[in-house]
Amino acid sequence: MRDRTAQHRAPCLPACALGRAYGARPSARRIPWSVSSSKPRGRSHLRTSVVGVASETAHTAFRQTKDPSTPHETPKTKRMDRIPFGVSRLDSIIGGGAPPGSVVLLVGETGAGAREFLFTSATINGLARTDAEQFDLHYGDVDDRAAIPDEIHYISFTHSADELAREIAYTMDEELVGAGIEAVTFEDLSQEYFQLSTIPREWYTRRTQTITDLGEGGDRRDVLEALGEYFNRHAAGNLVLLDSLTDLARAPNEHLDWNDVTLLVKGLQKASRQWNGLVLVLVNGDALTDTELGSLMSAADGTIAFEWETGGSERDRAMFVRNFRGVLPRLEAEDIIRFETEVHEGGFDISNVRKIR
């Protein structure tokens, strides 16, 4: 297990990248899209930050795919038609996994399986790199059209690597988790997320604030800048799991509205076409209105919904695909409308497939 909580700081990204990313003529002046923290951080700054992250990730990804020296430009990356989700039965039904270059929303009611799906995806894909025997036991053969991603990156705004490892172990077999997450790189953005809140610093950094820290206050990265930098460095050709978009939308003192969040997803979608990897984004469906969910769905390549079904005195988990480029037509051809799901020691799983009668 690799914990990348201490990342080096990259320089501010230019706002003029927006023009370059969309083919417009860039300005001769390079204007930083993040302003000094000593200035008021109003809505104009926040919208510029979101646009800066979205556009620069797209532009950087374009440069990476054009550069033959980039480590992600391998023959395997170019050949793969699918990237496995890590849920064996689902992957087998949809042809091996998700199309490369996809941004997929995992939208769920609390406890209905969306978070467990995310945990399973990280652990099983990691297991393929660390323990072939256990991977074969819990997943089986990888489809001929699919390829396991070279790297798995798990980004959290509120949890450290140790906290996530414990949480995943509560969901899945501890031995399985221990082997699987050895290949997962966890990125903890708690410091950027909580730094403007009233929460005591030692609660999220495990150390008290010093005079030196106060003097460096003007050099802070905001959470959107940190997120964009991490995607720029690690998304190409890899599996990236974002936990969660709902947390980001409610970042302390960032004053993001839902249009900003939707714009960020649109930027990820554009950049993902060049990254040629897979981005899974966790979303708490209970916290969304129908309008907010609709705007997110239109910005992403796919949406998988997780919900509780009540029948008599029992509740069952169910999953269905709301929209998904390159996947939904296959399900429709098989007359599949819904999946019955369960969570056991092997992680998230499909227990039954419902078809149109």
Protein backbone atom coordinates (compact mmCIF):
# COMPACT_ATOMS: atom_id res chain seq x y z
CA MET A 1 0.00 0.00 0.00
CA ARG A 2 1.44 3.33 -1.02
CA ASP A 3 0.39 6.51 0.79
CA ARG A 4 1.04 9.65 -1.23
CA THR A 5 -0.06 12.13 1.42
CA ALA A 6 3.05 14.24 0.95
CA GLN A 7 3.07 15.41 -2.68
CA HIS A 8 5.46 18.02 -4.00
CA ARG A 9 3.93 21.33 -4.92
CA ALA A 10 3.61 22.16 -8.59
CA PRO A 11 3.47 25.71 -9.91
CA CYS A 12 0.10 27.38 -10.50
CA LEU A 13 -1.56 26.30 -13.73
CA PRO A 14 -2.31 28.94 -16.37
CA ALA A 15 -5.86 30.07 -17.10
CA CYS A 16 -4.94 30.52 -20.76
CA ALA A 17 -4.83 26.71 -20.98
CA LEU A 18 -8.60 26.91 -21.43
CA GLY A 19 -8.12 28.55 -24.79
CA ARG A 20 -5.46 26.02 -25.82
CA ALA A 21 -7.55 23.05 -24.71
CA TYR A 22 -10.49 24.13 -26.85
CA GLY A 23 -8.43 25.22 -29.81
CA ALA A 24 -8.68 28.96 -29.23
CA ARG A 25 -5.72 31.31 -29.61
CA PRO A 26 -3.99 31.67 -26.22
CA SER A 27 -3.29 35.06 -24.71
CA ALA A 28 0.30 36.25 -24.78
CA ARG A 29 0.14 36.82 -21.03
CA ARG A 30 0.18 33.84 -18.69
CA ILE A 31 -2.31 34.60 -15.95
CA PRO A 32 -2.38 32.34 -12.88
CA TRP A 33 -5.88 30.93 -12.41
CA SER A 34 -5.44 30.75 -8.62
CA VAL A 35 -5.17 34.08 -6.84
CA SER A 36 -3.25 34.80 -3.65
CA SER A 37 -4.97 33.61 -0.50
CA SER A 38 -4.62 37.14 0.88
CA LYS A 39 -7.27 38.30 -1.58
CA PRO A 40 -11.00 37.69 -1.21
CA ARG A 41 -11.87 34.25 -2.54
CA GLY A 42 -15.21 35.09 -4.07
CA ARG A 43 -17.32 33.32 -6.67
CA SER A 44 -15.31 34.71 -9.60
CA HIS A 45 -12.15 33.10 -8.20
CA LEU A 46 -13.90 29.79 -7.60
CA ARG A 47 -15.34 29.59 -11.07
CA THR A 48 -11.93 30.43 -12.54
CA SER A 49 -10.40 27.68 -10.38
CA VAL A 50 -12.85 25.06 -11.64
CA VAL A 51 -12.30 26.11 -15.25
CA GLY A 52 -8.55 26.08 -14.66
CA VAL A 53 -8.60 22.52 -13.33
CA ALA A 54 -10.91 21.29 -16.09
CA SER A 55 -9.08 22.95 -18.96
CA GLU A 56 -5.53 22.31 -17.79
CA THR A 57 -6.20 18.61 -17.17
CA ALA A 58 -7.48 18.32 -20.72
CA HIS A 59 -4.54 20.25 -22.17
CA THR A 60 -1.93 18.34 -20.15
CA ALA A 61 -3.47 15.01 -21.15
CA PHE A 62 -3.30 16.08 -24.81
CA ARG A 63 0.40 16.85 -24.46
CA GLN A 64 1.03 13.52 -22.73
CA THR A 65 -0.59 11.44 -25.45
CA LYS A 66 1.38 13.26 -28.12
CA ASP A 67 4.70 12.71 -26.31
CA PRO A 68 6.18 9.31 -27.24
CA SER A 69 8.39 9.35 -24.16
CA THR A 70 5.51 9.33 -21.66
CA PRO A 71 5.52 6.12 -19.57
CA HIS A 72 1.81 5.58 -20.13
CA GLU A 73 2.14 5.28 -23.90
CA THR A 74 2.71 1.54 -23.95
CA PRO A 75 1.45 -0.93 -26.55
CA LYS A 76 -0.76 -2.51 -23.89
CA THR A 77 -2.45 0.80 -23.15
CA LYS A 78 -3.11 1.40 -26.84
CA ARG A 79 -4.52 -2.07 -27.48
CA MET A 80 -6.96 -2.46 -24.60
CA ASP A 81 -10.63 -2.06 -25.47
CA ARG A 82 -11.90 -2.36 -21.88
CA ILE A 83 -10.73 -1.68 -18.35
CA PRO A 84 -12.21 -4.06 -15.76
CA PHE A 85 -14.40 -2.66 -13.01
CA GLY A 86 -13.23 -5.55 -10.84
CA VAL A 87 -16.75 -6.98 -10.41
CA SER A 88 -16.42 -10.25 -12.31
CA ARG A 89 -19.99 -10.92 -13.36
CA LEU A 90 -20.62 -7.34 -14.44
CA ASP A 91 -17.42 -7.24 -16.47
CA SER A 92 -18.29 -10.51 -18.23
CA ILE A 93 -21.73 -9.19 -19.21
CA ILE A 94 -20.51 -5.88 -20.65
CA GLY A 95 -17.55 -7.21 -22.61
CA GLY A 96 -14.71 -6.98 -20.13
CA GLY A 97 -15.32 -3.68 -18.38
CA ALA A 98 -15.61 0.02 -19.21
CA PRO A 99 -14.35 1.62 -22.43
CA PRO A 100 -11.02 3.42 -21.85
CA GLY A 101 -11.39 7.16 -21.53
CA SER A 102 -14.59 6.94 -19.47
CA VAL A 103 -15.75 8.96 -16.47
CA VAL A 104 -18.35 6.89 -14.61
CA LEU A 105 -20.54 8.13 -11.75
CA LEU A 106 -21.40 5.67 -8.98
CA VAL A 107 -24.58 7.21 -7.58
CA GLY A 108 -26.05 5.47 -4.57
CA GLU A 109 -28.42 5.64 -1.68
CA THR A 110 -26.62 5.31 1.63
CA GLY A 111 -25.48 1.70 2.15
CA ALA A 112 -26.92 0.48 -1.16
CA GLY A 113 -23.55 -0.56 -2.58
CA ALA A 114 -21.93 2.38 -4.39
CA ARG A 115 -19.07 2.75 -1.91
CA GLU A 116 -18.62 -1.03 -1.72
CA PHE A 117 -18.40 -1.09 -5.53
CA LEU A 118 -15.61 1.51 -5.35
CA PHE A 119 -13.75 -0.47 -2.68
CA THR A 120 -14.08 -3.69 -4.68
CA SER A 121 -12.85 -2.05 -7.88
CA ALA A 122 -9.70 -0.78 -6.17
CA THR A 123 -8.99 -4.00 -4.28
CA ILE A 124 -9.61 -6.53 -7.07
CA ASN A 125 -7.69 -4.56 -9.70
CA GLY A 126 -4.87 -4.24 -7.18
CA LEU A 127 -5.02 -7.95 -6.44
CA ALA A 128 -4.31 -8.69 -10.10
CA ARG A 129 -0.92 -7.03 -9.59
CA THR A 130 0.00 -8.58 -6.24
CA ASP A 131 -1.54 -12.06 -5.94
CA ALA A 132 -2.46 -13.92 -9.13
CA GLU A 133 -3.81 -16.93 -7.23
CA GLN A 134 -6.26 -14.93 -5.13
CA PHE A 135 -7.23 -12.85 -8.15
CA ASP A 136 -8.07 -15.99 -10.09
CA LEU A 137 -10.12 -17.28 -7.15
CA HIS A 138 -12.14 -14.11 -6.60
CA TYR A 139 -12.35 -12.75 -10.15
CA GLY A 140 -11.36 -15.38 -12.70
CA ASP A 141 -10.08 -14.78 -16.22
CA VAL A 142 -9.78 -11.28 -17.62
CA ASP A 143 -11.66 -10.85 -20.89
CA ASP A 144 -9.46 -10.97 -24.01
CA ARG A 145 -10.58 -7.43 -24.86
CA ALA A 146 -9.65 -6.04 -21.43
CA ALA A 147 -6.44 -5.16 -19.63
CA ILE A 148 -5.77 -4.52 -15.95
CA PRO A 149 -4.63 -0.88 -15.43
CA ASP A 150 -0.96 -0.40 -14.61
CA GLU A 151 -1.75 1.75 -11.57
CA ILE A 152 -4.70 2.28 -9.23
CA HIS A 153 -5.10 5.66 -7.51
CA TYR A 154 -7.66 6.34 -4.79
CA ILE A 155 -8.30 10.03 -3.99
CA SER A 156 -10.11 11.00 -0.79
CA PHE A 157 -10.94 14.46 0.55
CA THR A 158 -11.54 13.33 4.12
CA HIS A 159 -9.72 10.04 4.86
CA SER A 160 -6.10 8.96 5.15
CA ALA A 161 -4.72 5.74 3.65
CA ASP A 162 -4.86 3.96 7.02
CA GLU A 163 -8.46 5.00 7.61
CA LEU A 164 -9.51 3.80 4.16
CA ALA A 165 -7.66 0.50 4.59
CA ARG A 166 -9.58 -0.15 7.80
CA GLU A 167 -12.89 0.81 6.20
CA ILE A 168 -12.32 -1.45 3.20
CA ALA A 169 -11.37 -4.31 5.58
CA TYR A 170 -14.74 -3.89 7.32
CA THR A 171 -16.40 -4.55 3.96
CA MET A 172 -14.22 -7.33 2.54
CA ASP A 173 -12.04 -10.19 3.76
CA GLU A 174 -9.05 -8.74 5.61
CA GLU A 175 -6.49 -10.98 3.90
CA LEU A 176 -7.92 -10.13 0.49
CA VAL A 177 -7.81 -6.43 1.26
CA GLY A 178 -4.27 -6.61 2.61
CA ALA A 179 -3.02 -8.12 -0.64
CA GLY A 180 -5.11 -5.97 -2.96
CA ILE A 181 -4.38 -2.52 -1.58
CA GLU A 182 -0.63 -3.08 -1.75
CA ALA A 183 -0.97 -1.97 -5.37
CA VAL A 184 -3.24 0.99 -4.59
CA THR A 185 -1.85 4.51 -4.16
CA PHE A 186 -3.97 6.53 -1.76
CA GLU A 187 -3.96 10.32 -2.04
CA ASP A 188 -5.25 12.13 1.06
CA LEU A 189 -6.42 15.69 0.33
CA SER A 190 -7.67 16.29 3.86
CA GLN A 191 -5.25 19.16 4.46
CA GLU A 192 -6.41 21.08 1.37
CA TYR A 193 -10.03 20.20 2.08
CA PHE A 194 -10.18 21.24 5.75
CA GLN A 195 -7.59 24.04 5.81
CA LEU A 196 -10.17 26.85 5.59
CA SER A 197 -12.60 25.26 8.02
CA THR A 198 -12.95 25.78 11.77
CA ILE A 199 -11.87 22.18 12.46
CA PRO A 200 -8.69 21.99 14.62
CA ARG A 201 -5.66 21.39 12.42
CA GLU A 202 -4.39 18.42 14.43
CA TRP A 203 -7.62 16.54 13.68
CA TYR A 204 -6.72 16.17 10.02
CA THR A 205 -2.93 16.60 9.93
CA ARG A 206 -2.05 14.75 13.16
CA ARG A 207 0.10 17.66 14.29
CA THR A 208 -0.52 21.07 15.78
CA GLN A 209 -0.05 24.32 13.88
CA THR A 210 3.29 26.09 14.29
CA ILE A 211 4.49 29.65 13.69
CA THR A 212 6.14 28.38 10.49
CA ASP A 213 2.80 27.05 9.26
CA LEU A 214 1.19 30.44 9.83
CA GLY A 215 3.94 32.11 7.83
CA GLU A 216 3.34 29.72 4.92
CA GLY A 217 -0.38 30.36 4.85
CA GLY A 218 -0.19 32.34 1.60
CA ASP A 219 1.32 29.35 -0.20
CA ARG A 220 -1.61 27.01 0.36
CA ARG A 221 -3.07 25.01 -2.51
CA ASP A 222 -6.85 24.96 -2.61
CA VAL A 223 -8.55 21.62 -2.97
CA LEU A 224 -9.42 22.07 -6.66
CA GLU A 225 -5.83 22.93 -7.54
CA ALA A 226 -4.55 19.88 -5.65
CA LEU A 227 -7.11 17.66 -7.36
CA GLY A 228 -6.22 18.93 -10.83
CA GLU A 229 -2.50 18.48 -10.26
CA TYR A 230 -2.98 14.91 -9.11
CA PHE A 231 -5.10 13.96 -12.11
CA ASN A 232 -2.56 15.57 -14.45
CA ARG A 233 0.23 13.43 -13.03
CA HIS A 234 -1.49 10.08 -12.55
CA ALA A 235 -4.67 9.60 -14.61
CA ALA A 236 -3.21 8.67 -18.00
CA GLY A 237 -3.74 4.96 -18.66
CA ASN A 238 -4.71 4.23 -15.06
CA LEU A 239 -7.71 3.61 -12.82
CA VAL A 240 -8.53 6.63 -10.62
CA LEU A 241 -11.23 6.48 -7.94
CA LEU A 242 -12.60 9.76 -6.52
CA ASP A 243 -14.22 9.66 -3.07
CA SER A 244 -16.38 11.65 -3.26
CA LEU A 245 -17.90 14.33 -5.47
CA THR A 246 -20.47 15.05 -2.78
CA ASP A 247 -17.68 15.90 -0.32
CA LEU A 248 -16.08 18.21 -2.86
CA ALA A 249 -19.34 20.05 -3.50
CA ARG A 250 -19.53 20.82 0.22
CA ALA A 251 -15.88 21.74 0.75
CA PRO A 252 -15.53 24.17 3.68
CA ASN A 253 -15.52 27.82 2.58
CA GLU A 254 -15.07 26.95 -1.11
CA HIS A 255 -18.60 28.16 -1.95
CA LEU A 256 -19.01 25.82 -4.89
CA ASP A 257 -22.42 25.62 -6.48
CA TRP A 258 -23.63 22.69 -8.54
CA ASN A 259 -22.78 24.38 -11.84
CA ASP A 260 -19.13 24.45 -10.73
CA VAL A 261 -19.24 20.75 -9.85
CA THR A 262 -20.86 19.87 -13.17
CA LEU A 263 -18.23 21.90 -15.02
CA LEU A 264 -15.49 19.96 -13.25
CA VAL A 265 -17.03 16.64 -14.36
CA LYS A 266 -17.26 17.94 -17.94
CA GLY A 267 -13.57 18.84 -17.79
CA LEU A 268 -12.71 15.38 -16.50
CA GLN A 269 -14.70 13.83 -19.31
CA LYS A 270 -12.86 15.85 -21.93
CA ALA A 271 -9.45 15.08 -20.46
CA SER A 272 -10.28 11.38 -20.05
CA ARG A 273 -10.55 10.96 -23.81
CA GLN A 274 -6.81 11.63 -23.94
CA TRP A 275 -5.87 9.91 -20.68
CA ASN A 276 -7.37 6.65 -21.98
CA GLY A 277 -7.86 5.33 -18.45
CA LEU A 278 -10.93 4.97 -16.23
CA VAL A 279 -12.23 7.45 -13.64
CA LEU A 280 -14.84 6.28 -11.11
CA VAL A 281 -16.57 9.06 -9.17
CA LEU A 282 -18.55 8.31 -6.02
CA VAL A 283 -21.70 10.40 -5.48
CA ASN A 284 -24.16 10.26 -2.58
CA GLY A 285 -27.53 10.13 -4.30
CA ASP A 286 -29.41 11.04 -1.12
CA ALA A 287 -27.80 14.49 -1.21
CA LEU A 288 -28.87 15.33 -4.79
CA THR A 289 -32.01 16.79 -6.31
CA ASP A 290 -33.29 15.32 -9.58
CA THR A 291 -32.02 18.42 -11.40
CA GLU A 292 -28.52 18.10 -9.92
CA LEU A 293 -28.34 14.41 -10.78
CA GLY A 294 -29.50 15.13 -14.32
CA SER A 295 -26.78 17.74 -14.82
CA LEU A 296 -24.10 15.33 -13.58
CA MET A 297 -25.35 12.50 -15.78
CA SER A 298 -25.18 14.72 -18.86
CA ALA A 299 -21.55 15.62 -18.01
CA ALA A 300 -20.27 12.04 -17.49
CA ASP A 301 -19.87 9.08 -19.83
CA GLY A 302 -21.81 6.70 -17.61
CA THR A 303 -23.96 6.55 -14.51
CA ILE A 304 -24.46 3.42 -12.43
CA ALA A 305 -27.18 3.76 -9.79
CA PHE A 306 -27.40 1.82 -6.53
CA GLU A 307 -30.59 1.69 -4.48
CA TRP A 308 -32.55 -0.21 -1.88
CA GLU A 309 -35.62 -2.19 -2.87
CA THR A 310 -38.22 -2.97 -0.23
CA GLY A 311 -40.45 -6.01 -0.41
CA GLY A 312 -42.40 -7.11 2.63
CA SER A 313 -40.13 -7.08 5.66
CA GLU A 314 -36.86 -7.25 3.71
CA ARG A 315 -34.67 -4.81 1.85
CA ASP A 316 -32.51 -5.83 -1.09
CA ARG A 317 -29.76 -4.00 -2.92
CA ALA A 318 -30.23 -3.31 -6.61
CA MET A 319 -28.07 -1.74 -9.32
CA PHE A 320 -28.96 -0.43 -12.75
CA VAL A 321 -27.20 1.47 -15.53
CA ARG A 322 -28.79 4.84 -16.16
CA ASN A 323 -26.58 5.76 -19.10
CA PHE A 324 -23.21 4.56 -20.32
CA ARG A 325 -21.37 5.18 -23.57
CA GLY A 326 -20.45 1.86 -25.18
CA VAL A 327 -22.10 -0.25 -22.46
CA LEU A 328 -25.83 0.51 -22.28
CA PRO A 329 -26.53 -0.73 -25.86
CA ARG A 330 -25.05 -4.12 -24.90
CA LEU A 331 -27.34 -4.38 -21.87
CA GLU A 332 -30.34 -3.37 -23.94
CA ALA A 333 -29.49 -6.01 -26.53
CA GLU A 334 -29.53 -8.60 -23.72
CA ASP A 335 -32.83 -7.17 -22.37
CA ILE A 336 -31.15 -6.55 -19.01
CA ILE A 337 -32.93 -3.92 -16.93
CA ARG A 338 -31.52 -4.37 -13.43
CA PHE A 339 -29.02 -6.27 -11.31
CA GLU A 340 -29.68 -7.73 -7.88
CA THR A 341 -26.55 -7.22 -5.80
CA GLU A 342 -24.96 -8.26 -2.54
CA VAL A 343 -21.89 -7.49 -0.46
CA HIS A 344 -19.86 -10.35 1.02
CA GLU A 345 -16.26 -11.06 2.02
CA GLY A 346 -15.25 -10.98 -1.64
CA GLY A 347 -16.68 -7.48 -1.97
CA PHE A 348 -19.50 -6.14 -4.11
CA ASP A 349 -21.11 -8.78 -6.31
CA ILE A 350 -24.06 -9.42 -8.61
CA SER A 351 -26.38 -12.13 -7.35
CA ASN A 352 -28.99 -12.07 -10.11
CA VAL A 353 -29.80 -10.39 -13.42
CA ARG A 354 -33.30 -9.20 -14.23
CA LYS A 355 -34.42 -9.17 -17.82
CA ILE A 356 -37.48 -7.94 -19.66
CA ARG A 357 -39.98 -10.78 -19.82
